[in-house]
Amino acid sequence: MKKIIYILIINCSLLTVNCYPQWLQQTSGVTNPLYDCDFVDQNTGWVSGGNGVILKTTNGGINWFQQPSGVSKILQGIDAVDANVLYSVGYDETILKTTNGGNNWLAIRNGPPMMGGSFFKVYFLNENTGWILRNNYIMRTLNGCLTFDSTFVVFTFLRDIYFKDVSTGVLCGDGDLIMKSSDGGVTWIEITIPLYNFELPDFYRLTFIGTTGWVVGRGSSFGFGKLVYKTTNFGSSWDTIARVPLLSGEDNYSVFFSSLNTGYCGGTTGYIFKSTNGGINWIQQNSPSNGFRNDFWFANDSIGWCVGGGGQIFKTSNGGTYVSIVNISSEIPIKHNLQNIYPNPFNPITNIIFDIAYEDNVGIIIYDILGREVEVLLSEKLKPGKYKVTFNGENLSSGIYLCRLLTPKIQESKTMVLIK
């Protein structure tokens, strides 16, 4: 979505302000709902979804290609142990496994349609040891799904599970359910959480950084926003710290923290929210289209993906923030030029001035001293003019960075120094 404001000033020059959303949609090639995603690094990842869809990318989502799952079930969960070994689970007691990166998927279980239970989530610590959530009990395997043992939990839907080691794990589910195990999932203890206004939030996803974790309620909040719960002792106790300002009638389905401060959550009608202070405050981010936001995965605070309804996959390379681009002159430059960066050194905000001589596809990209992409400030077609874009390096460490102007025929770079 672009927000364009035209202001006519006395000298008849035209000032144009464009705000470019930095959640960019990638081409999935499918229209089936996508429910889960997992990556092994910022290049290689997988997505699972409806009608047996499994997608893979090896170039950060520039290209996604469909892998033959061999089933037509809804695949609710996918987990990558490494670049070769993955598990995917879904409706009608479906469990799939691959040992070659998804080139071939083996159906460990594939029940008849509309019969048996449904698996909602899968999590493996290594190739052999993992847990699968099925309606109201947990299946555990210690030998790569050759055999399972099961533990009855409670009559509700179990949605997500995470183990930090072979003994200690946490799960969440519908009806404000959070449980913890200290013996590898053999026994589970329900954790009492504080409730407000008679709310019984459903928890679809949980996320951990070390022993600190978060869940966000899904269901009715009587217009107050969705409750955010946080733990600092790996699930032994939880407390509410905030509400995500989702409108009444909207649901939250996913949450992912990439660091102790930075987290993302989303749900229905295309909502994505971001926190930069550990979940205390949440700011809504606009995204290119509506649709369910079922799962997030982030490589760091800036680079991440979101998957959801209608086969939609979105990627951000700058944490989903908006970049303000201002046309500062009506004069048409004679050539493309990365003109100036000021102030430089800077802390943490600086301005990048550049010229575009003719309508062209333009990229403004920040790299670190090792040549690694840090942030894509701009990737759009621009009309001729002189532009200013503001860069905020608050999430970066002090050091030398490179700002690069890229077009199909031009590449110019300037050094910039961040001092904190």
Protein backbone atom coordinates (compact mmCIF):
# COMPACT_ATOMS: atom_id res chain seq x y z
CA MET A 1 0.00 0.00 0.00
CA LYS A 2 1.29 3.49 -0.80
CA LYS A 3 0.24 6.65 0.95
CA ILE A 4 0.83 9.62 -1.32
CA ILE A 5 0.35 13.22 -0.23
CA TYR A 6 0.65 16.08 -2.72
CA ILE A 7 1.32 19.60 -1.42
CA LEU A 8 1.38 22.53 -3.85
CA ILE A 9 3.70 25.28 -2.59
CA ILE A 10 4.26 28.85 -3.79
CA ASN A 11 7.04 28.16 -6.31
CA CYS A 12 4.82 25.52 -7.93
CA SER A 13 7.18 22.67 -7.18
CA LEU A 14 5.55 19.40 -6.13
CA LEU A 15 6.43 17.62 -2.92
CA THR A 16 5.59 13.93 -2.90
CA VAL A 17 5.84 11.73 0.19
CA ASN A 18 5.65 7.98 -0.31
CA CYS A 19 5.50 5.47 2.52
CA TYR A 20 6.59 2.05 1.35
CA PRO A 21 5.54 -1.00 3.35
CA GLN A 22 8.47 -3.29 3.90
CA TRP A 23 6.46 -6.49 4.21
CA LEU A 24 6.84 -7.60 0.60
CA GLN A 25 4.74 -10.42 -0.80
CA GLN A 26 6.59 -13.35 -2.33
CA THR A 27 5.22 -15.63 -5.02
CA SER A 28 4.17 -18.93 -3.45
CA GLY A 29 2.51 -20.41 -6.53
CA VAL A 30 -0.44 -21.70 -4.48
CA THR A 31 -3.71 -20.34 -3.10
CA ASN A 32 -4.12 -22.89 -0.30
CA PRO A 33 -3.98 -21.58 3.27
CA LEU A 34 -0.48 -21.83 4.73
CA TYR A 35 -0.27 -22.76 8.40
CA ASP A 36 3.34 -23.18 9.50
CA CYS A 37 6.87 -22.29 8.42
CA ASP A 38 10.37 -23.18 9.56
CA PHE A 39 13.83 -22.23 8.34
CA VAL A 40 17.34 -23.51 9.01
CA ASP A 41 18.87 -20.16 8.02
CA GLN A 42 17.80 -17.01 6.20
CA ASN A 43 18.05 -18.75 2.84
CA THR A 44 16.54 -22.21 3.31
CA GLY A 45 13.04 -22.78 4.63
CA TRP A 46 9.78 -24.69 4.26
CA VAL A 47 6.07 -23.93 4.54
CA SER A 48 3.16 -26.36 5.03
CA GLY A 49 -0.50 -25.82 4.26
CA GLY A 50 -3.81 -27.02 2.88
CA ASN A 51 -4.25 -29.89 0.43
CA GLY A 52 -0.87 -31.39 1.30
CA VAL A 53 1.09 -28.32 0.22
CA ILE A 54 4.77 -28.19 1.20
CA LEU A 55 6.87 -25.37 -0.25
CA LYS A 56 10.63 -24.90 -0.09
CA THR A 57 13.01 -22.03 -0.78
CA THR A 58 16.79 -22.04 -0.93
CA ASN A 59 17.25 -18.34 -1.75
CA GLY A 60 15.37 -16.50 0.96
CA GLY A 61 11.99 -16.78 -0.73
CA ILE A 62 12.92 -15.27 -4.10
CA ASN A 63 11.69 -18.58 -5.45
CA TRP A 64 9.37 -21.08 -3.76
CA PHE A 65 8.79 -24.49 -5.29
CA GLN A 66 6.30 -27.15 -4.30
CA GLN A 67 7.51 -30.50 -3.01
CA PRO A 68 5.50 -33.70 -3.54
CA SER A 69 4.11 -34.54 -0.09
CA GLY A 70 2.10 -37.52 -1.36
CA VAL A 71 -1.00 -36.50 0.62
CA SER A 72 -3.91 -34.11 0.14
CA LYS A 73 -4.53 -33.43 3.84
CA ILE A 74 -4.26 -30.12 5.66
CA LEU A 75 -0.68 -30.00 6.96
CA GLN A 76 -0.81 -27.89 10.13
CA GLY A 77 2.79 -28.22 11.30
CA ILE A 78 6.30 -28.47 9.89
CA ASP A 79 9.63 -28.65 11.74
CA ALA A 80 13.13 -28.63 10.28
CA VAL A 81 15.74 -30.44 12.35
CA ASP A 82 18.38 -29.47 9.80
CA ALA A 83 18.66 -28.99 6.05
CA ASN A 84 17.89 -32.67 5.43
CA VAL A 85 15.60 -33.98 8.17
CA LEU A 86 12.10 -32.54 8.51
CA TYR A 87 8.75 -33.63 9.89
CA SER A 88 5.28 -32.43 8.92
CA VAL A 89 1.94 -33.28 10.54
CA GLY A 90 -1.71 -32.67 9.77
CA TYR A 91 -5.30 -33.79 9.69
CA ASP A 92 -6.46 -37.41 9.80
CA GLU A 93 -3.41 -38.60 11.74
CA THR A 94 -0.93 -37.58 9.05
CA ILE A 95 2.79 -37.70 9.87
CA LEU A 96 5.38 -37.15 7.15
CA LYS A 97 9.17 -37.35 7.28
CA THR A 98 11.99 -36.55 4.88
CA THR A 99 15.71 -37.18 5.19
CA ASN A 100 16.78 -35.42 1.97
CA GLY A 101 15.46 -31.90 2.41
CA GLY A 102 12.00 -32.72 1.12
CA ASN A 103 12.87 -34.25 -2.23
CA ASN A 104 11.03 -37.32 -0.97
CA TRP A 105 8.48 -37.45 1.87
CA LEU A 106 7.63 -40.72 3.65
CA ALA A 107 4.14 -41.09 5.11
CA ILE A 108 4.70 -42.55 8.57
CA ARG A 109 0.97 -42.24 9.21
CA ASN A 110 -1.78 -41.36 6.74
CA GLY A 111 -5.23 -42.08 8.13
CA PRO A 112 -8.47 -42.21 6.13
CA PRO A 113 -10.04 -38.82 5.33
CA MET A 114 -12.40 -37.46 7.96
CA MET A 115 -11.48 -40.22 10.41
CA GLY A 116 -9.20 -40.23 13.44
CA GLY A 117 -7.62 -37.28 15.17
CA SER A 118 -5.70 -34.36 13.77
CA PHE A 119 -2.14 -33.35 14.52
CA PHE A 120 -1.59 -29.63 15.04
CA LYS A 121 2.10 -29.15 15.77
CA VAL A 122 5.42 -30.99 15.68
CA TYR A 123 8.69 -30.18 17.42
CA PHE A 124 11.95 -32.14 17.28
CA LEU A 125 15.12 -31.53 19.29
CA ASN A 126 17.12 -33.77 16.98
CA GLU A 127 16.48 -36.36 14.30
CA ASN A 128 15.20 -38.92 16.80
CA THR A 129 13.62 -37.06 19.72
CA GLY A 130 10.40 -35.17 19.14
CA TRP A 131 6.83 -34.47 20.17
CA ILE A 132 3.59 -34.22 18.20
CA LEU A 133 0.36 -32.64 19.45
CA ARG A 134 -2.87 -34.48 18.65
CA ASN A 135 -6.19 -33.10 19.92
CA ASN A 136 -5.99 -33.93 23.63
CA TYR A 137 -2.75 -35.85 24.01
CA ILE A 138 0.93 -35.71 23.14
CA MET A 139 2.83 -38.26 21.15
CA ARG A 140 6.53 -38.63 21.92
CA THR A 141 9.13 -40.48 19.89
CA LEU A 142 12.72 -41.28 20.79
CA ASN A 143 13.58 -43.06 17.54
CA GLY A 144 12.53 -40.79 14.69
CA CYS A 145 8.86 -41.85 14.62
CA LEU A 146 9.44 -45.60 14.48
CA THR A 147 7.45 -45.87 17.71
CA PHE A 148 5.54 -43.45 19.97
CA ASP A 149 4.38 -43.22 23.52
CA SER A 150 1.43 -40.97 24.41
CA THR A 151 0.43 -38.95 27.43
CA PHE A 152 -3.17 -37.93 28.05
CA VAL A 153 -3.35 -34.28 28.95
CA VAL A 154 -6.76 -32.63 28.91
CA PHE A 155 -9.82 -32.54 26.69
CA THR A 156 -9.00 -29.52 24.58
CA PHE A 157 -7.06 -28.64 21.46
CA LEU A 158 -3.29 -28.54 21.98
CA ARG A 159 -1.72 -26.00 19.64
CA ASP A 160 2.02 -25.54 20.18
CA ILE A 161 4.92 -27.19 22.01
CA TYR A 162 8.57 -26.38 22.68
CA PHE A 163 11.35 -28.25 24.52
CA LYS A 164 14.59 -26.54 25.49
CA ASP A 165 16.23 -29.90 26.22
CA VAL A 166 15.25 -33.57 26.43
CA SER A 167 13.57 -33.05 29.81
CA THR A 168 11.97 -29.63 29.94
CA GLY A 169 9.14 -28.48 27.74
CA VAL A 170 6.09 -26.22 27.59
CA LEU A 171 2.87 -26.50 25.61
CA CYS A 172 -0.16 -24.29 25.07
CA GLY A 173 -3.70 -24.74 23.83
CA ASP A 174 -7.30 -23.65 23.90
CA GLY A 175 -9.04 -22.44 27.05
CA ASP A 176 -6.06 -20.55 28.61
CA LEU A 177 -4.07 -23.80 28.72
CA ILE A 178 -0.36 -23.74 29.50
CA MET A 179 1.41 -26.87 30.76
CA LYS A 180 4.98 -27.75 31.64
CA SER A 181 6.89 -31.03 31.74
CA SER A 182 10.19 -31.73 33.50
CA ASP A 183 10.53 -35.40 32.52
CA GLY A 184 10.54 -35.32 28.74
CA GLY A 185 6.77 -35.14 28.39
CA VAL A 186 5.86 -38.22 30.42
CA THR A 187 3.91 -36.08 32.89
CA TRP A 188 2.55 -32.56 32.57
CA ILE A 189 1.55 -29.95 35.15
CA GLU A 190 -1.00 -27.29 34.28
CA ILE A 191 0.23 -23.79 35.07
CA THR A 192 -2.31 -21.38 36.55
CA ILE A 193 -2.32 -18.04 34.77
CA PRO A 194 -4.08 -14.80 35.79
CA LEU A 195 -7.36 -14.15 33.96
CA TYR A 196 -9.27 -10.91 33.53
CA ASN A 197 -12.86 -9.96 32.62
CA PHE A 198 -13.83 -13.65 32.53
CA GLU A 199 -11.63 -14.11 29.47
CA LEU A 200 -10.44 -17.62 28.61
CA PRO A 201 -7.92 -16.93 25.84
CA ASP A 202 -6.92 -19.64 23.42
CA PHE A 203 -3.16 -19.85 22.84
CA TYR A 204 -2.11 -20.88 19.33
CA ARG A 205 1.62 -20.18 19.46
CA LEU A 206 4.31 -19.83 22.08
CA THR A 207 7.80 -18.42 21.59
CA PHE A 208 10.98 -18.54 23.68
CA ILE A 209 14.33 -16.78 23.91
CA GLY A 210 16.23 -18.83 26.48
CA THR A 211 14.02 -19.11 29.58
CA THR A 212 11.91 -16.08 28.61
CA GLY A 213 8.74 -16.79 26.71
CA TRP A 214 5.51 -15.22 25.47
CA VAL A 215 1.99 -16.25 24.44
CA VAL A 216 -0.78 -14.04 23.06
CA GLY A 217 -4.46 -14.85 23.51
CA ARG A 218 -6.51 -15.61 20.46
CA GLY A 219 -10.19 -15.18 21.34
CA SER A 220 -12.67 -12.68 22.70
CA SER A 221 -11.26 -9.79 24.70
CA PHE A 222 -14.42 -7.65 24.91
CA GLY A 223 -12.75 -4.93 22.88
CA PHE A 224 -9.82 -4.48 25.28
CA GLY A 225 -7.19 -6.12 23.05
CA LYS A 226 -5.55 -9.54 23.23
CA LEU A 227 -3.75 -10.46 26.45
CA VAL A 228 0.03 -10.90 26.29
CA TYR A 229 1.54 -13.29 28.85
CA LYS A 230 5.25 -13.53 29.64
CA THR A 231 7.41 -15.96 31.61
CA THR A 232 11.03 -15.54 32.72
CA ASN A 233 11.44 -19.01 34.27
CA PHE A 234 10.62 -21.20 31.28
CA GLY A 235 6.93 -21.52 31.91
CA SER A 236 6.81 -22.17 35.65
CA SER A 237 4.84 -18.95 36.12
CA TRP A 238 3.25 -16.41 33.78
CA ASP A 239 1.92 -12.91 34.13
CA THR A 240 0.14 -10.48 31.84
CA ILE A 241 2.27 -7.59 30.66
CA ALA A 242 0.14 -5.93 27.98
CA ARG A 243 -2.60 -6.22 25.41
CA VAL A 244 -2.21 -6.27 21.64
CA PRO A 245 -4.67 -3.65 20.33
CA LEU A 246 -6.58 -5.97 18.00
CA LEU A 247 -10.13 -4.85 17.35
CA SER A 248 -13.10 -6.68 18.84
CA GLY A 249 -13.94 -9.68 16.68
CA GLU A 250 -10.38 -10.07 15.39
CA ASP A 251 -8.27 -13.03 16.48
CA ASN A 252 -4.55 -13.47 17.10
CA TYR A 253 -2.99 -16.68 15.78
CA SER A 254 0.77 -16.29 15.93
CA VAL A 255 3.61 -14.76 17.91
CA PHE A 256 7.39 -14.88 17.41
CA PHE A 257 10.17 -13.12 19.32
CA SER A 258 13.49 -12.82 17.52
CA SER A 259 15.22 -11.38 20.60
CA LEU A 260 14.34 -10.42 24.15
CA ASN A 261 13.05 -7.04 22.95
CA THR A 262 11.71 -7.61 19.45
CA GLY A 263 8.60 -9.62 18.71
CA TYR A 264 5.82 -9.93 16.16
CA CYS A 265 2.27 -11.23 16.28
CA GLY A 266 -0.63 -11.42 13.86
CA GLY A 267 -4.04 -12.85 13.18
CA THR A 268 -7.11 -12.23 11.09
CA THR A 269 -7.73 -9.51 8.48
CA GLY A 270 -4.03 -9.07 7.78
CA TYR A 271 -3.07 -7.66 11.16
CA ILE A 272 0.63 -7.62 12.06
CA PHE A 273 1.90 -6.00 15.27
CA LYS A 274 5.47 -5.42 16.43
CA SER A 275 6.98 -4.87 19.87
CA THR A 276 10.47 -3.49 20.49
CA ASN A 277 10.33 -3.52 24.31
CA GLY A 278 9.75 -7.14 25.20
CA GLY A 279 6.02 -7.21 24.54
CA ILE A 280 4.94 -4.22 26.63
CA ASN A 281 3.88 -2.07 23.66
CA TRP A 282 2.64 -3.24 20.27
CA ILE A 283 2.51 -1.08 17.13
CA GLN A 284 0.41 -2.13 14.16
CA GLN A 285 2.23 -2.59 10.86
CA ASN A 286 0.46 -2.40 7.54
CA SER A 287 0.92 -5.22 5.09
CA PRO A 288 0.18 -5.40 1.36
CA SER A 289 -3.05 -7.40 1.65
CA ASN A 290 -5.51 -8.97 4.05
CA GLY A 291 -5.45 -12.60 5.08
CA PHE A 292 -4.75 -14.76 8.10
CA ARG A 293 -1.30 -14.46 9.65
CA ASN A 294 -0.75 -18.02 10.86
CA ASP A 295 2.97 -18.17 11.57
CA PHE A 296 6.17 -16.09 11.69
CA TRP A 297 9.84 -17.03 11.52
CA PHE A 298 12.71 -14.55 11.94
CA ALA A 299 16.42 -15.03 11.37
CA ASN A 300 17.10 -11.84 13.37
CA ASP A 301 15.23 -8.69 14.38
CA SER A 302 15.04 -7.50 10.77
CA ILE A 303 14.79 -10.47 8.40
CA GLY A 304 11.71 -12.65 8.67
CA TRP A 305 8.70 -14.24 7.03
CA CYS A 306 4.97 -14.46 7.68
CA VAL A 307 2.64 -17.06 6.13
CA GLY A 308 -1.12 -17.35 6.10
CA GLY A 309 -4.36 -17.37 4.16
CA GLY A 310 -4.64 -17.60 0.41
CA GLY A 311 -1.14 -18.96 -0.06
CA GLN A 312 0.34 -15.66 1.07
CA ILE A 313 4.01 -15.43 2.05
CA PHE A 314 5.47 -12.09 3.12
CA LYS A 315 9.08 -11.19 3.85
CA THR A 316 10.62 -8.20 5.57
CA SER A 317 14.29 -7.25 5.54
CA ASN A 318 13.96 -4.26 7.86
CA GLY A 319 11.65 -5.48 10.60
CA GLY A 320 8.52 -4.44 8.77
CA THR A 321 9.01 -0.73 9.37
CA TYR A 322 7.92 1.95 6.98
CA VAL A 323 10.46 4.01 5.08
CA SER A 324 9.60 7.62 4.32
CA ILE A 325 10.84 8.77 0.93
CA VAL A 326 10.58 12.48 0.12
CA ASN A 327 10.97 14.08 -3.30
CA ILE A 328 12.88 17.21 -2.31
CA SER A 329 13.23 18.93 -5.70
CA SER A 330 11.26 19.29 -8.93
CA GLU A 331 14.49 19.65 -10.92
CA ILE A 332 15.33 16.60 -13.02
CA PRO A 333 18.91 15.37 -12.41
CA ILE A 334 21.19 14.61 -15.33
CA LYS A 335 22.18 11.20 -13.95
CA HIS A 336 21.48 8.70 -11.19
CA ASN A 337 23.63 9.58 -8.21
CA LEU A 338 24.01 8.65 -4.53
CA GLN A 339 24.69 12.22 -3.55
CA ASN A 340 25.08 12.58 0.21
CA ILE A 341 24.58 11.01 3.63
CA TYR A 342 24.13 13.38 6.55
CA PRO A 343 24.90 13.43 9.38
CA ASN A 344 27.78 11.02 9.01
CA PRO A 345 28.85 9.73 11.52
CA PHE A 346 25.31 9.41 12.91
CA ASN A 347 23.42 8.18 16.00
CA PRO A 348 21.04 6.56 15.22
CA ILE A 349 19.29 8.49 12.39
CA THR A 350 20.75 9.80 9.16
CA ASN A 351 19.45 11.05 5.79
CA ILE A 352 20.37 9.59 2.43
CA ILE A 353 20.10 11.94 -0.57
CA PHE A 354 20.05 10.51 -4.09
CA ASP A 355 19.18 11.56 -7.65
CA ILE A 356 17.13 9.63 -10.19
CA ALA A 357 17.47 10.94 -13.76
CA TYR A 358 14.70 8.87 -15.37
CA GLU A 359 11.96 6.50 -14.24
CA ASP A 360 13.72 3.40 -13.02
CA ASN A 361 13.66 0.49 -10.55
CA VAL A 362 15.65 1.68 -7.56
CA GLY A 363 17.07 -0.07 -4.54
CA ILE A 364 18.66 1.48 -1.46
CA ILE A 365 20.33 -1.24 0.60
CA ILE A 366 22.47 -1.13 3.74
CA TYR A 367 25.33 -3.64 4.19
CA ASP A 368 27.68 -4.29 7.09
CA ILE A 369 31.47 -4.21 6.80
CA LEU A 370 31.50 -7.91 5.81
CA GLY A 371 29.17 -7.30 2.91
CA ARG A 372 26.11 -8.86 4.55
CA GLU A 373 22.73 -7.30 3.79
CA VAL A 374 21.45 -5.46 6.87
CA GLU A 375 18.36 -3.66 5.61
CA VAL A 376 16.50 -2.97 2.37
CA LEU A 377 15.36 0.65 2.67
CA LEU A 378 13.80 0.84 -0.77
CA SER A 379 12.92 -1.47 -3.64
CA GLU A 380 10.51 0.42 -5.90
CA LYS A 381 10.12 2.14 -9.26
CA LEU A 382 10.72 5.89 -8.88
CA LYS A 383 10.06 8.84 -11.19
CA PRO A 384 12.85 11.35 -11.98
CA GLY A 385 13.78 13.64 -9.10
CA LYS A 386 15.94 14.27 -6.07
CA TYR A 387 14.96 12.10 -3.06
CA LYS A 388 15.66 11.86 0.63
CA VAL A 389 15.24 8.67 2.63
CA THR A 390 15.73 8.48 6.39
CA PHE A 391 17.59 5.55 7.91
CA ASN A 392 17.26 4.56 11.57
CA GLY A 393 20.08 2.37 12.91
CA GLU A 394 18.71 1.96 16.43
CA ASN A 395 18.77 -1.84 16.15
CA LEU A 396 22.37 -1.97 14.90
CA SER A 397 25.65 -1.92 16.78
CA SER A 398 28.26 0.80 16.32
CA GLY A 399 30.43 0.33 13.27
CA ILE A 400 31.04 1.02 9.60
CA TYR A 401 28.22 0.31 7.14
CA LEU A 402 27.83 0.66 3.40
CA CYS A 403 24.86 2.37 1.71
CA ARG A 404 24.35 1.24 -1.87
CA LEU A 405 22.18 2.71 -4.64
CA LEU A 406 21.20 -0.02 -7.09
CA THR A 407 19.39 0.19 -10.44
CA PRO A 408 19.50 -2.21 -13.40
CA LYS A 409 22.46 -0.24 -14.85
CA ILE A 410 23.95 1.74 -11.94
CA GLN A 411 25.59 0.78 -8.66
CA GLU A 412 26.99 3.43 -6.31
CA SER A 413 28.11 3.11 -2.68
CA LYS A 414 29.03 5.36 0.23
CA THR A 415 30.41 4.53 3.65
CA MET A 416 28.43 5.48 6.74
CA VAL A 417 29.55 5.31 10.38
CA LEU A 418 27.16 4.56 13.26
CA ILE A 419 28.47 5.73 16.66
CA LYS A 420 26.45 4.99 19.81
